[in-house]
């Protein structure tokens, strides 16, 4: 019997990798979304492999995707916690945005 590839292995790795970038660009929320989807897809392929292990050949990719997704989830939670702390320390969203505006002005960037 010819072995097949698990259907979500590659996309899980891609989404897990994208979650690293999304953690930095979206205060952790994007990282949570992408890594959560990647983890779900990896777990789905893991169950599929457990049903018929002789049928599939790329289980190593699924394990790698699951590890990448877990790392992305951890980084996203850390980024989200830091963002929430920064917002609360600045006195709410308005204070946080004012701090960001001041930083941008100091860097010589115009936000208008």
PDB file of N, CA and C in Angstrom:
ATOM      1  N   UNK A   1       0.825  -1.174   0.000  1.00  0.00           N
ATOM      2  CA  UNK A   1       0.000   0.000   0.000  1.00  0.00           C
ATOM      3  C   UNK A   1       0.881   1.253   0.000  1.00  0.00           C
ATOM      4  N   UNK A   2       0.538   2.172  -0.856  1.00  0.00           N
ATOM      5  CA  UNK A   2       1.316   3.409  -0.968  1.00  0.00           C
ATOM      6  C   UNK A   2       0.963   4.359   0.171  1.00  0.00           C
ATOM      7  N   UNK A   3       1.992   4.935   0.779  1.00  0.00           N
ATOM      8  CA  UNK A   3       1.751   5.846   1.895  1.00  0.00           C
ATOM      9  C   UNK A   3       1.384   7.233   1.397  1.00  0.00           C
ATOM     10  N   UNK A   4       0.492   7.870   2.137  1.00  0.00           N
ATOM     11  CA  UNK A   4       0.030   9.209   1.800  1.00  0.00           C
ATOM     12  C   UNK A   4       0.622  10.200   2.793  1.00  0.00           C
ATOM     13  N   UNK A   5       0.468  11.475   2.462  1.00  0.00           N
ATOM     14  CA  UNK A   5       0.891  12.524   3.386  1.00  0.00           C
ATOM     15  C   UNK A   5      -0.323  12.986   4.179  1.00  0.00           C
ATOM     16  N   UNK A   6      -0.085  13.335   5.426  1.00  0.00           N
ATOM     17  CA  UNK A   6      -1.157  13.878   6.255  1.00  0.00           C
ATOM     18  C   UNK A   6      -1.577  15.234   5.695  1.00  0.00           C
ATOM     19  N   UNK A   7      -2.876  15.501   5.632  1.00  0.00           N
ATOM     20  CA  UNK A   7      -3.360  16.665   4.873  1.00  0.00           C
ATOM     21  C   UNK A   7      -3.012  18.040   5.452  1.00  0.00           C
ATOM     22  N   UNK A   8      -2.857  18.153   6.754  1.00  0.00           N
ATOM     23  CA  UNK A   8      -2.673  19.482   7.347  1.00  0.00           C
ATOM     24  C   UNK A   8      -1.272  19.745   7.886  1.00  0.00           C
ATOM     25  N   UNK A   9      -0.331  18.862   7.606  1.00  0.00           N
ATOM     26  CA  UNK A   9       1.005  18.999   8.179  1.00  0.00           C
ATOM     27  C   UNK A   9       1.708  20.273   7.713  1.00  0.00           C
ATOM     28  N   UNK A  10       1.720  20.517   6.438  1.00  0.00           N
ATOM     29  CA  UNK A  10       2.435  21.676   5.894  1.00  0.00           C
ATOM     30  C   UNK A  10       1.784  22.986   6.324  1.00  0.00           C
ATOM     31  N   UNK A  11       0.462  23.056   6.239  1.00  0.00           N
ATOM     32  CA  UNK A  11      -0.219  24.306   6.606  1.00  0.00           C
ATOM     33  C   UNK A  11      -0.067  24.585   8.103  1.00  0.00           C
ATOM     34  N   UNK A  12       0.035  23.543   8.910  1.00  0.00           N
ATOM     35  CA  UNK A  12       0.253  23.740  10.348  1.00  0.00           C
ATOM     36  C   UNK A  12       1.608  24.375  10.611  1.00  0.00           C
ATOM     37  N   UNK A  13       2.616  23.925   9.883  1.00  0.00           N
ATOM     38  CA  UNK A  13       3.952  24.508  10.037  1.00  0.00           C
ATOM     39  C   UNK A  13       3.947  25.970   9.581  1.00  0.00           C
ATOM     40  N   UNK A  14       3.297  26.248   8.468  1.00  0.00           N
ATOM     41  CA  UNK A  14       3.243  27.614   7.944  1.00  0.00           C
ATOM     42  C   UNK A  14       2.509  28.534   8.915  1.00  0.00           C
ATOM     43  N   UNK A  15       1.349  28.101   9.406  1.00  0.00           N
ATOM     44  CA  UNK A  15       0.593  28.934  10.342  1.00  0.00           C
ATOM     45  C   UNK A  15       1.346  29.131  11.654  1.00  0.00           C
ATOM     46  N   UNK A  16       2.017  28.095  12.118  1.00  0.00           N
ATOM     47  CA  UNK A  16       2.821  28.223  13.334  1.00  0.00           C
ATOM     48  C   UNK A  16       3.943  29.230  13.153  1.00  0.00           C
ATOM     49  N   UNK A  17       4.565  29.213  11.985  1.00  0.00           N
ATOM     50  CA  UNK A  17       5.645  30.168  11.706  1.00  0.00           C
ATOM     51  C   UNK A  17       5.109  31.596  11.593  1.00  0.00           C
ATOM     52  N   UNK A  18       3.967  31.752  10.950  1.00  0.00           N
ATOM     53  CA  UNK A  18       3.353  33.077  10.828  1.00  0.00           C
ATOM     54  C   UNK A  18       2.971  33.618  12.200  1.00  0.00           C
ATOM     55  N   UNK A  19       2.633  32.720  13.121  1.00  0.00           N
ATOM     56  CA  UNK A  19       2.221  33.168  14.450  1.00  0.00           C
ATOM     57  C   UNK A  19       3.350  33.896  15.176  1.00  0.00           C
ATOM     58  N   UNK A  20       4.609  33.548  14.890  1.00  0.00           N
ATOM     59  CA  UNK A  20       5.732  34.247  15.520  1.00  0.00           C
ATOM     60  C   UNK A  20       5.730  35.721  15.124  1.00  0.00           C
ATOM     61  N   UNK A  21       5.532  35.982  13.856  1.00  0.00           N
ATOM     62  CA  UNK A  21       5.509  37.358  13.365  1.00  0.00           C
ATOM     63  C   UNK A  21       4.265  38.075  13.865  1.00  0.00           C
ATOM     64  N   UNK A  22       3.143  37.368  13.856  1.00  0.00           N
ATOM     65  CA  UNK A  22       1.887  37.973  14.291  1.00  0.00           C
ATOM     66  C   UNK A  22       1.910  38.347  15.771  1.00  0.00           C
ATOM     67  N   UNK A  23       2.694  37.630  16.573  1.00  0.00           N
ATOM     68  CA  UNK A  23       2.823  37.980  17.998  1.00  0.00           C
ATOM     69  C   UNK A  23       3.362  39.388  18.157  1.00  0.00           C
ATOM     70  N   UNK A  24       4.327  39.732  17.348  1.00  0.00           N
ATOM     71  CA  UNK A  24       4.983  41.028  17.473  1.00  0.00           C
ATOM     72  C   UNK A  24       4.142  42.159  16.883  1.00  0.00           C
ATOM     73  N   UNK A  25       3.361  41.854  15.861  1.00  0.00           N
ATOM     74  CA  UNK A  25       2.648  42.897  15.133  1.00  0.00           C
ATOM     75  C   UNK A  25       1.241  43.182  15.651  1.00  0.00           C
ATOM     76  N   UNK A  26       0.719  42.328  16.532  1.00  0.00           N
ATOM     77  CA  UNK A  26      -0.675  42.507  16.920  1.00  0.00           C
ATOM     78  C   UNK A  26      -0.905  42.357  18.420  1.00  0.00           C
ATOM     79  N   UNK A  27       0.079  42.708  19.220  1.00  0.00           N
ATOM     80  CA  UNK A  27      -0.018  42.633  20.672  1.00  0.00           C
ATOM     81  C   UNK A  27      -0.311  41.216  21.161  1.00  0.00           C
ATOM     82  N   UNK A  28       0.030  40.209  20.387  1.00  0.00           N
ATOM     83  CA  UNK A  28      -0.151  38.823  20.789  1.00  0.00           C
ATOM     84  C   UNK A  28      -1.428  38.180  20.290  1.00  0.00           C
ATOM     85  N   UNK A  29      -2.407  38.979  19.905  1.00  0.00           N
ATOM     86  CA  UNK A  29      -3.699  38.426  19.505  1.00  0.00           C
ATOM     87  C   UNK A  29      -3.581  37.637  18.202  1.00  0.00           C
ATOM     88  N   UNK A  30      -2.881  38.170  17.228  1.00  0.00           N
ATOM     89  CA  UNK A  30      -2.688  37.453  15.958  1.00  0.00           C
ATOM     90  C   UNK A  30      -1.930  36.157  16.162  1.00  0.00           C
ATOM     91  N   UNK A  31      -0.943  36.191  17.038  1.00  0.00           N
ATOM     92  CA  UNK A  31      -0.190  34.975  17.337  1.00  0.00           C
ATOM     93  C   UNK A  31      -1.060  33.908  17.965  1.00  0.00           C
ATOM     94  N   UNK A  32      -1.958  34.326  18.859  1.00  0.00           N
ATOM     95  CA  UNK A  32      -2.889  33.372  19.461  1.00  0.00           C
ATOM     96  C   UNK A  32      -3.777  32.726  18.403  1.00  0.00           C
ATOM     97  N   UNK A  33      -4.266  33.526  17.482  1.00  0.00           N
ATOM     98  CA  UNK A  33      -5.163  33.007  16.446  1.00  0.00           C
ATOM     99  C   UNK A  33      -4.423  32.025  15.539  1.00  0.00           C
ATOM    100  N   UNK A  34      -3.289  32.455  14.975  1.00  0.00           N
ATOM    101  CA  UNK A  34      -2.562  31.599  14.041  1.00  0.00           C
ATOM    102  C   UNK A  34      -2.024  30.329  14.702  1.00  0.00           C
ATOM    103  N   UNK A  35      -1.438  30.464  15.880  1.00  0.00           N
ATOM    104  CA  UNK A  35      -0.896  29.280  16.531  1.00  0.00           C
ATOM    105  C   UNK A  35      -2.003  28.369  17.042  1.00  0.00           C
ATOM    106  N   UNK A  36      -3.124  28.938  17.424  1.00  0.00           N
ATOM    107  CA  UNK A  36      -4.261  28.116  17.836  1.00  0.00           C
ATOM    108  C   UNK A  36      -4.783  27.274  16.695  1.00  0.00           C
ATOM    109  N   UNK A  37      -4.909  27.873  15.521  1.00  0.00           N
ATOM    110  CA  UNK A  37      -5.352  27.125  14.342  1.00  0.00           C
ATOM    111  C   UNK A  37      -4.323  26.055  13.980  1.00  0.00           C
ATOM    112  N   UNK A  38      -3.047  26.409  14.027  1.00  0.00           N
ATOM    113  CA  UNK A  38      -1.987  25.448  13.704  1.00  0.00           C
ATOM    114  C   UNK A  38      -2.013  24.268  14.674  1.00  0.00           C
ATOM    115  N   UNK A  39      -2.195  24.550  15.956  1.00  0.00           N
ATOM    116  CA  UNK A  39      -2.251  23.486  16.962  1.00  0.00           C
ATOM    117  C   UNK A  39      -3.458  22.583  16.730  1.00  0.00           C
ATOM    118  N   UNK A  40      -4.603  23.178  16.423  1.00  0.00           N
ATOM    119  CA  UNK A  40      -5.815  22.407  16.150  1.00  0.00           C
ATOM    120  C   UNK A  40      -5.616  21.482  14.951  1.00  0.00           C
ATOM    121  N   UNK A  41      -5.035  22.001  13.882  1.00  0.00           N
ATOM    122  CA  UNK A  41      -4.811  21.189  12.688  1.00  0.00           C
ATOM    123  C   UNK A  41      -3.800  20.073  12.940  1.00  0.00           C
ATOM    124  N   UNK A  42      -2.766  20.361  13.727  1.00  0.00           N
ATOM    125  CA  UNK A  42      -1.775  19.333  14.058  1.00  0.00           C
ATOM    126  C   UNK A  42      -2.406  18.222  14.897  1.00  0.00           C
ATOM    127  N   UNK A  43      -3.240  18.604  15.860  1.00  0.00           N
ATOM    128  CA  UNK A  43      -3.924  17.596  16.678  1.00  0.00           C
ATOM    129  C   UNK A  43      -4.875  16.749  15.826  1.00  0.00           C
ATOM    130  N   UNK A  44      -5.510  17.377  14.859  1.00  0.00           N
ATOM    131  CA  UNK A  44      -6.415  16.668  13.953  1.00  0.00           C
ATOM    132  C   UNK A  44      -5.642  15.624  13.144  1.00  0.00           C
ATOM    133  N   UNK A  45      -4.475  16.011  12.633  1.00  0.00           N
ATOM    134  CA  UNK A  45      -3.640  15.063  11.885  1.00  0.00           C
ATOM    135  C   UNK A  45      -3.078  13.976  12.793  1.00  0.00           C
ATOM    136  N   UNK A  46      -2.798  14.323  14.037  1.00  0.00           N
ATOM    137  CA  UNK A  46      -2.308  13.335  14.994  1.00  0.00           C
ATOM    138  C   UNK A  46      -3.350  12.236  15.220  1.00  0.00           C
ATOM    139  N   UNK A  47      -4.604  12.636  15.345  1.00  0.00           N
ATOM    140  CA  UNK A  47      -5.695  11.662  15.513  1.00  0.00           C
ATOM    141  C   UNK A  47      -5.848  10.806  14.258  1.00  0.00           C
ATOM    142  N   UNK A  48      -5.730  11.433  13.107  1.00  0.00           N
ATOM    143  CA  UNK A  48      -5.836  10.710  11.846  1.00  0.00           C
ATOM    144  C   UNK A  48      -4.722   9.672  11.722  1.00  0.00           C
ATOM    145  N   UNK A  49      -3.524  10.057  12.126  1.00  0.00           N
ATOM    146  CA  UNK A  49      -2.391   9.136  12.088  1.00  0.00           C
ATOM    147  C   UNK A  49      -2.572   7.993  13.079  1.00  0.00           C
ATOM    148  N   UNK A  50      -3.134   8.284  14.247  1.00  0.00           N
ATOM    149  CA  UNK A  50      -3.332   7.250  15.275  1.00  0.00           C
ATOM    150  C   UNK A  50      -4.312   6.172  14.796  1.00  0.00           C
ATOM    151  N   UNK A  51      -5.261   6.560  13.949  1.00  0.00           N
ATOM    152  CA  UNK A  51      -6.233   5.590  13.432  1.00  0.00           C
ATOM    153  C   UNK A  51      -5.591   4.600  12.468  1.00  0.00           C
ATOM    154  N   UNK A  52      -4.714   5.077  11.586  1.00  0.00           N
ATOM    155  CA  UNK A  52      -4.068   4.221  10.589  1.00  0.00           C
ATOM    156  C   UNK A  52      -2.618   4.649  10.385  1.00  0.00           C
ATOM    157  N   UNK A  53      -1.715   4.273  11.282  1.00  0.00           N
ATOM    158  CA  UNK A  53      -0.326   4.737  11.177  1.00  0.00           C
ATOM    159  C   UNK A  53       0.416   4.214   9.946  1.00  0.00           C
ATOM    160  N   UNK A  54       0.010   3.088   9.412  1.00  0.00           N
ATOM    161  CA  UNK A  54       0.695   2.538   8.239  1.00  0.00           C
ATOM    162  C   UNK A  54       0.371   3.291   6.960  1.00  0.00           C
ATOM    163  N   UNK A  55      -0.678   4.085   6.985  1.00  0.00           N
ATOM    164  CA  UNK A  55      -1.147   4.753   5.776  1.00  0.00           C
ATOM    165  C   UNK A  55      -0.414   6.068   5.496  1.00  0.00           C
ATOM    166  N   UNK A  56       0.203   6.663   6.542  1.00  0.00           N
ATOM    167  CA  UNK A  56       0.785   8.004   6.389  1.00  0.00           C
ATOM    168  C   UNK A  56       2.291   8.000   6.610  1.00  0.00           C
ATOM    169  N   UNK A  57       2.971   8.896   5.895  1.00  0.00           N
ATOM    170  CA  UNK A  57       4.439   8.898   5.925  1.00  0.00           C
ATOM    171  C   UNK A  57       5.061  10.124   6.589  1.00  0.00           C
ATOM    172  N   UNK A  58       4.318  11.194   6.803  1.00  0.00           N
ATOM    173  CA  UNK A  58       4.946  12.438   7.263  1.00  0.00           C
ATOM    174  C   UNK A  58       4.526  12.817   8.684  1.00  0.00           C
ATOM    175  N   UNK A  59       4.517  11.856   9.582  1.00  0.00           N
ATOM    176  CA  UNK A  59       4.133  12.152  10.961  1.00  0.00           C
ATOM    177  C   UNK A  59       5.167  13.042  11.649  1.00  0.00           C
ATOM    178  N   UNK A  60       6.414  12.977  11.234  1.00  0.00           N
ATOM    179  CA  UNK A  60       7.451  13.851  11.798  1.00  0.00           C
ATOM    180  C   UNK A  60       7.130  15.316  11.571  1.00  0.00           C
ATOM    181  N   UNK A  61       6.559  15.625  10.425  1.00  0.00           N
ATOM    182  CA  UNK A  61       6.157  17.002  10.132  1.00  0.00           C
ATOM    183  C   UNK A  61       5.060  17.457  11.084  1.00  0.00           C
ATOM    184  N   UNK A  62       4.148  16.565  11.413  1.00  0.00           N
ATOM    185  CA  UNK A  62       3.056  16.908  12.316  1.00  0.00           C
ATOM    186  C   UNK A  62       3.595  17.176  13.716  1.00  0.00           C
ATOM    187  N   UNK A  63       4.546  16.383  14.165  1.00  0.00           N
ATOM    188  CA  UNK A  63       5.143  16.624  15.481  1.00  0.00           C
ATOM    189  C   UNK A  63       5.867  17.967  15.499  1.00  0.00           C
ATOM    190  N   UNK A  64       6.570  18.277  14.428  1.00  0.00           N
ATOM    191  CA  UNK A  64       7.257  19.563  14.324  1.00  0.00           C
ATOM    192  C   UNK A  64       6.250  20.714  14.334  1.00  0.00           C
ATOM    193  N   UNK A  65       5.167  20.558  13.588  1.00  0.00           N
ATOM    194  CA  UNK A  65       4.134  21.599  13.528  1.00  0.00           C
ATOM    195  C   UNK A  65       3.507  21.815  14.901  1.00  0.00           C
ATOM    196  N   UNK A  66       3.295  20.740  15.635  1.00  0.00           N
ATOM    197  CA  UNK A  66       2.703  20.857  16.965  1.00  0.00           C
ATOM    198  C   UNK A  66       3.639  21.603  17.913  1.00  0.00           C
ATOM    199  N   UNK A  67       4.931  21.320  17.845  1.00  0.00           N
ATOM    200  CA  UNK A  67       5.915  22.010  18.679  1.00  0.00           C
ATOM    201  C   UNK A  67       5.978  23.492  18.326  1.00  0.00           C
ATOM    202  N   UNK A  68       5.994  23.796  17.041  1.00  0.00           N
ATOM    203  CA  UNK A  68       6.025  25.196  16.601  1.00  0.00           C
ATOM    204  C   UNK A  68       4.766  25.922  17.072  1.00  0.00           C
ATOM    205  N   UNK A  69       3.618  25.262  16.981  1.00  0.00           N
ATOM    206  CA  UNK A  69       2.363  25.875  17.421  1.00  0.00           C
ATOM    207  C   UNK A  69       2.373  26.133  18.922  1.00  0.00           C
ATOM    208  N   UNK A  70       2.906  25.209  19.699  1.00  0.00           N
ATOM    209  CA  UNK A  70       2.968  25.401  21.151  1.00  0.00           C
ATOM    210  C   UNK A  70       3.893  26.568  21.489  1.00  0.00           C
ATOM    211  N   UNK A  71       5.024  26.647  20.834  1.00  0.00           N
ATOM    212  CA  UNK A  71       5.942  27.773  21.052  1.00  0.00           C
ATOM    213  C   UNK A  71       5.258  29.084  20.673  1.00  0.00           C
ATOM    214  N   UNK A  72       4.542  29.087  19.551  1.00  0.00           N
ATOM    215  CA  UNK A  72       3.802  30.283  19.141  1.00  0.00           C
ATOM    216  C   UNK A  72       2.741  30.679  20.147  1.00  0.00           C
ATOM    217  N   UNK A  73       2.045  29.685  20.714  1.00  0.00           N
ATOM    218  CA  UNK A  73       1.037  29.977  21.738  1.00  0.00           C
ATOM    219  C   UNK A  73       1.668  30.606  22.974  1.00  0.00           C
ATOM    220  N   UNK A  74       2.789  30.055  23.403  1.00  0.00           N
ATOM    221  CA  UNK A  74       3.469  30.592  24.587  1.00  0.00           C
ATOM    222  C   UNK A  74       3.939  32.023  24.334  1.00  0.00           C
ATOM    223  N   UNK A  75       4.552  32.262  23.177  1.00  0.00           N
ATOM    224  CA  UNK A  75       5.005  33.623  22.846  1.00  0.00           C
ATOM    225  C   UNK A  75       3.832  34.589  22.744  1.00  0.00           C
ATOM    226  N   UNK A  76       2.718  34.132  22.184  1.00  0.00           N
ATOM    227  CA  UNK A  76       1.547  34.987  22.050  1.00  0.00           C
ATOM    228  C   UNK A  76       0.970  35.349  23.411  1.00  0.00           C
ATOM    229  N   UNK A  77       0.922  34.387  24.318  1.00  0.00           N
ATOM    230  CA  UNK A  77       0.409  34.672  25.665  1.00  0.00           C
ATOM    231  C   UNK A  77       1.327  35.665  26.378  1.00  0.00           C
ATOM    232  N   UNK A  78       2.637  35.486  26.218  1.00  0.00           N
ATOM    233  CA  UNK A  78       3.587  36.418  26.836  1.00  0.00           C
ATOM    234  C   UNK A  78       3.425  37.816  26.232  1.00  0.00           C
ATOM    235  N   UNK A  79       3.324  37.903  24.908  1.00  0.00           N
ATOM    236  CA  UNK A  79       3.161  39.206  24.254  1.00  0.00           C
ATOM    237  C   UNK A  79       1.854  39.864  24.668  1.00  0.00           C
ATOM    238  N   UNK A  80       0.792  39.081  24.783  1.00  0.00           N
ATOM    239  CA  UNK A  80      -0.494  39.631  25.195  1.00  0.00           C
ATOM    240  C   UNK A  80      -0.429  40.123  26.640  1.00  0.00           C
ATOM    241  N   UNK A  81       0.226  39.363  27.512  1.00  0.00           N
ATOM    242  CA  UNK A  81       0.356  39.772  28.908  1.00  0.00           C
ATOM    243  C   UNK A  81       1.168  41.060  29.037  1.00  0.00           C
ATOM    244  N   UNK A  82       2.250  41.164  28.268  1.00  0.00           N
ATOM    245  CA  UNK A  82       3.065  42.389  28.290  1.00  0.00           C
ATOM    246  C   UNK A  82       2.262  43.567  27.764  1.00  0.00           C
ATOM    247  N   UNK A  83       1.498  43.353  26.717  1.00  0.00           N
ATOM    248  CA  UNK A  83       0.678  44.433  26.161  1.00  0.00           C
ATOM    249  C   UNK A  83      -0.376  44.896  27.152  1.00  0.00           C
ATOM    250  N   UNK A  84      -1.034  43.954  27.803  1.00  0.00           N
ATOM    251  CA  UNK A  84      -2.048  44.319  28.798  1.00  0.00           C
ATOM    252  C   UNK A  84      -1.395  45.082  29.946  1.00  0.00           C
ATOM    253  N   UNK A  85      -0.217  44.640  30.372  1.00  0.00           N
ATOM    254  CA  UNK A  85       0.492  45.345  31.445  1.00  0.00           C
ATOM    255  C   UNK A  85       0.846  46.771  31.020  1.00  0.00           C
ATOM    256  N   UNK A  86       1.354  46.927  29.804  1.00  0.00           N
ATOM    257  CA  UNK A  86       1.737  48.266  29.334  1.00  0.00           C
ATOM    258  C   UNK A  86       0.532  49.186  29.242  1.00  0.00           C
ATOM    259  N   UNK A  87      -0.577  48.658  28.782  1.00  0.00           N
ATOM    260  CA  UNK A  87      -1.786  49.484  28.668  1.00  0.00           C
ATOM    261  C   UNK A  87      -2.290  49.884  30.048  1.00  0.00           C
ATOM    262  N   UNK A  88      -2.293  48.933  30.971  1.00  0.00           N
ATOM    263  CA  UNK A  88      -2.783  49.260  32.314  1.00  0.00           C
ATOM    264  C   UNK A  88      -1.824  50.197  33.048  1.00  0.00           C
ATOM    265  N   UNK A  89      -0.521  50.042  32.829  1.00  0.00           N
ATOM    266  CA  UNK A  89       0.457  50.911  33.486  1.00  0.00           C
ATOM    267  C   UNK A  89       0.389  52.338  32.950  1.00  0.00           C
ATOM    268  N   UNK A  90      -0.053  52.491  31.711  1.00  0.00           N
ATOM    269  CA  UNK A  90      -0.137  53.817  31.102  1.00  0.00           C
ATOM    270  C   UNK A  90      -1.435  54.524  31.468  1.00  0.00           C
ATOM    271  N   UNK A  91      -2.314  53.854  32.181  1.00  0.00           N
ATOM    272  CA  UNK A  91      -3.564  54.497  32.584  1.00  0.00           C
ATOM    273  C   UNK A  91      -4.688  54.272  31.599  1.00  0.00           C
ATOM    274  N   UNK A  92      -4.655  53.162  30.899  1.00  0.00           N
ATOM    275  CA  UNK A  92      -5.717  52.861  29.941  1.00  0.00           C
ATOM    276  C   UNK A  92      -5.244  53.057  28.510  1.00  0.00           C
ATOM    277  N   UNK A  93      -6.170  52.831  27.594  1.00  0.00           N
ATOM    278  CA  UNK A  93      -5.841  52.880  26.167  1.00  0.00           C
ATOM    279  C   UNK A  93      -5.396  54.273  25.737  1.00  0.00           C
ATOM    280  N   UNK A  94      -6.088  55.316  26.226  1.00  0.00           N
ATOM    281  CA  UNK A  94      -5.733  56.678  25.822  1.00  0.00           C
ATOM    282  C   UNK A  94      -4.321  57.043  26.287  1.00  0.00           C
ATOM    283  N   UNK A  95      -3.981  56.678  27.501  1.00  0.00           N
ATOM    284  CA  UNK A  95      -2.638  56.945  28.012  1.00  0.00           C
ATOM    285  C   UNK A  95      -1.583  56.181  27.238  1.00  0.00           C
ATOM    286  N   UNK A  96      -1.901  54.943  26.877  1.00  0.00           N
ATOM    287  CA  UNK A  96      -0.976  54.122  26.094  1.00  0.00           C
ATOM    288  C   UNK A  96      -0.732  54.747  24.722  1.00  0.00           C
ATOM    289  N   UNK A  97      -1.803  55.196  24.078  1.00  0.00           N
ATOM    290  CA  UNK A  97      -1.659  55.816  22.756  1.00  0.00           C
ATOM    291  C   UNK A  97      -0.877  57.125  22.839  1.00  0.00           C
ATOM    292  N   UNK A  98      -1.060  57.851  23.917  1.00  0.00           N
ATOM    293  CA  UNK A  98      -0.302  59.093  24.103  1.00  0.00           C
ATOM    294  C   UNK A  98       1.185  58.789  24.276  1.00  0.00           C
ATOM    295  N   UNK A  99       1.508  57.736  25.039  1.00  0.00           N
ATOM    296  CA  UNK A  99       2.904  57.330  25.186  1.00  0.00           C
ATOM    297  C   UNK A  99       3.500  56.941  23.834  1.00  0.00           C
ATOM    298  N   UNK A 100       2.745  56.212  23.039  1.00  0.00           N
ATOM    299  CA  UNK A 100       3.233  55.795  21.729  1.00  0.00           C
ATOM    300  C   UNK A 100       3.452  57.001  20.817  1.00  0.00           C
ATOM    301  N   UNK A 101       2.559  57.968  20.901  1.00  0.00           N
ATOM    302  CA  UNK A 101       2.697  59.183  20.093  1.00  0.00           C
ATOM    303  C   UNK A 101       3.972  59.938  20.482  1.00  0.00           C
ATOM    304  N   UNK A 102       4.246  60.022  21.793  1.00  0.00           N
ATOM    305  CA  UNK A 102       5.455  60.696  22.259  1.00  0.00           C
ATOM    306  C   UNK A 102       6.713  59.970  21.793  1.00  0.00           C
ATOM    307  N   UNK A 103       6.694  58.662  21.832  1.00  0.00           N
ATOM    308  CA  UNK A 103       7.852  57.880  21.368  1.00  0.00           C
ATOM    309  C   UNK A 103       8.074  58.132  19.886  1.00  0.00           C
ATOM    310  N   UNK A 104       7.016  58.140  19.114  1.00  0.00           N
ATOM    311  CA  UNK A 104       7.146  58.375  17.674  1.00  0.00           C
ATOM    312  C   UNK A 104       7.689  59.768  17.386  1.00  0.00           C
ATOM    313  N   UNK A 105       7.231  60.743  18.150  1.00  0.00           N
ATOM    314  CA  UNK A 105       7.742  62.103  17.963  1.00  0.00           C
ATOM    315  C   UNK A 105       9.214  62.204  18.307  1.00  0.00           C
ATOM    316  N   UNK A 106       9.644  61.510  19.356  1.00  0.00           N
ATOM    317  CA  UNK A 106      11.050  61.507  19.727  1.00  0.00           C
ATOM    318  C   UNK A 106      11.910  60.854  18.650  1.00  0.00           C
ATOM    319  N   UNK A 107      11.339  59.882  17.961  1.00  0.00           N
ATOM    320  CA  UNK A 107      12.072  59.197  16.889  1.00  0.00           C
ATOM    321  C   UNK A 107      12.064  60.006  15.608  1.00  0.00           C
ATOM    322  N   UNK A 108      11.283  61.083  15.587  1.00  0.00           N
ATOM    323  CA  UNK A 108      11.256  61.927  14.398  1.00  0.00           C
ATOM    324  C   UNK A 108      10.211  61.495  13.382  1.00  0.00           C
ATOM    325  N   UNK A 109       9.280  60.676  13.802  1.00  0.00           N
ATOM    326  CA  UNK A 109       8.235  60.231  12.900  1.00  0.00           C
ATOM    327  C   UNK A 109       6.970  61.031  13.159  1.00  0.00           C
ATOM    328  N   UNK A 110       6.278  61.388  12.091  1.00  0.00           N
ATOM    329  CA  UNK A 110       5.033  62.130  12.222  1.00  0.00           C
ATOM    330  C   UNK A 110       3.875  61.151  12.037  1.00  0.00           C
ATOM    331  N   UNK A 111       2.953  61.113  12.998  1.00  0.00           N
ATOM    332  CA  UNK A 111       1.860  60.151  12.939  1.00  0.00           C
ATOM    333  C   UNK A 111       0.636  60.686  12.220  1.00  0.00           C
ATOM    334  N   UNK A 112       0.667  61.885  11.734  1.00  0.00           N
ATOM    335  CA  UNK A 112      -0.514  62.449  11.063  1.00  0.00           C
ATOM    336  C   UNK A 112      -0.450  62.269   9.581  1.00  0.00           C
TER     337      UNK A 112
END
